[in-house]
Amino acid sequence: MDNSCIKKIKVMKKTNIITPMWKNCLAVLQTGDMELADTKLMELVWKLADYTMLGYKDGDKIEGVKLEVWKERVWFSLENNGLLPE
């Protein structure tokens, strides 16, 4: 069998970095402090961008969740809370 057809997927060990950042973002959103929520969500965006710059693809898992799903969660939170710049 030709191994070139096999897609290699990186699986990040449980780092306990992204999940706590995400939970913190959700907690801040619940307080209604949109300025702080925007800051915390953008910190998470930059952290996810770091993984992308390291070569992780959207299908690669970080803490058991695909990178693509982490990105979507942050995007939807920014969008649904009116935090995207016009």
Protein backbone atom coordinates (compact mmCIF):
# COMPACT_ATOMS: atom_id res chain seq x y z
CA MET A 1 0.00 0.00 0.00
CA ASP A 2 1.25 3.47 -0.88
CA ASN A 3 1.70 5.45 2.34
CA SER A 4 1.54 8.77 0.47
CA CYS A 5 -2.26 8.45 0.42
CA ILE A 6 -2.50 8.24 4.20
CA LYS A 7 -3.32 11.57 5.78
CA LYS A 8 -1.23 12.22 8.83
CA ILE A 9 -3.11 13.98 11.60
CA LYS A 10 -1.27 15.57 14.48
CA VAL A 11 -2.81 14.95 17.86
CA MET A 12 -1.78 17.40 20.53
CA LYS A 13 -1.41 15.96 23.99
CA LYS A 14 -3.77 17.42 26.54
CA THR A 15 -2.08 20.71 27.25
CA ASN A 16 -4.74 22.31 29.44
CA ILE A 17 -4.13 25.67 27.78
CA ILE A 18 -6.91 26.12 25.23
CA THR A 19 -9.78 24.66 27.24
CA PRO A 20 -9.20 26.88 30.30
CA MET A 21 -8.82 29.92 28.02
CA TRP A 22 -12.13 29.04 26.35
CA LYS A 23 -13.91 28.53 29.68
CA ASN A 24 -12.56 31.86 30.89
CA CYS A 25 -13.92 33.55 27.75
CA LEU A 26 -17.35 32.06 28.38
CA ALA A 27 -17.31 33.17 32.01
CA VAL A 28 -16.34 36.72 31.04
CA LEU A 29 -19.08 36.81 28.38
CA GLN A 30 -21.62 35.85 31.05
CA THR A 31 -20.57 38.83 33.19
CA GLY A 32 -21.41 41.17 30.32
CA ASP A 33 -17.98 42.83 30.28
CA MET A 34 -17.68 42.94 26.50
CA GLU A 35 -14.38 44.84 26.49
CA LEU A 36 -12.71 42.16 28.62
CA ALA A 37 -14.46 39.40 26.64
CA ASP A 38 -13.10 40.86 23.41
CA THR A 39 -9.59 40.91 24.88
CA LYS A 40 -9.81 37.33 26.13
CA LEU A 41 -11.28 36.02 22.87
CA MET A 42 -8.53 37.76 20.89
CA GLU A 43 -5.91 36.17 23.14
CA LEU A 44 -7.44 32.83 22.23
CA VAL A 45 -7.41 33.76 18.53
CA TRP A 46 -3.68 34.46 18.77
CA LYS A 47 -3.05 31.18 20.60
CA LEU A 48 -4.93 29.26 17.90
CA ALA A 49 -2.97 31.19 15.26
CA ASP A 50 0.23 30.00 16.94
CA TYR A 51 -0.85 26.38 16.37
CA THR A 52 -1.63 27.16 12.74
CA MET A 53 1.79 28.78 12.29
CA LEU A 54 3.38 25.66 13.80
CA GLY A 55 1.85 23.65 10.97
CA TYR A 56 -1.29 22.32 12.58
CA LYS A 57 -4.15 21.82 10.14
CA ASP A 58 -7.85 22.34 10.83
CA GLY A 59 -8.37 18.57 11.23
CA ASP A 60 -5.62 18.22 13.84
CA LYS A 61 -6.80 17.84 17.41
CA ILE A 62 -5.80 20.05 20.30
CA GLU A 63 -7.00 18.83 23.67
CA GLY A 64 -9.27 16.35 21.90
CA VAL A 65 -11.00 18.97 19.73
CA LYS A 66 -10.25 19.75 16.08
CA LEU A 67 -8.47 23.05 15.54
CA GLU A 68 -11.25 24.00 13.12
CA VAL A 69 -13.86 23.59 15.89
CA TRP A 70 -11.86 25.80 18.27
CA LYS A 71 -11.67 28.49 15.58
CA GLU A 72 -15.41 28.24 14.89
CA ARG A 73 -16.26 28.52 18.58
CA VAL A 74 -14.26 31.71 18.92
CA TRP A 75 -15.60 33.18 15.67
CA PHE A 76 -19.22 32.49 16.62
CA SER A 77 -18.67 34.00 20.07
CA LEU A 78 -17.18 37.14 18.57
CA GLU A 79 -19.95 37.37 15.98
CA ASN A 80 -22.87 36.58 18.29
CA ASN A 81 -21.75 39.14 20.86
CA GLY A 82 -21.21 41.97 18.41
CA LEU A 83 -17.44 42.00 18.88
CA LEU A 84 -16.42 41.90 15.22
CA PRO A 85 -15.16 45.22 13.87
CA GLU A 86 -17.43 46.82 11.29
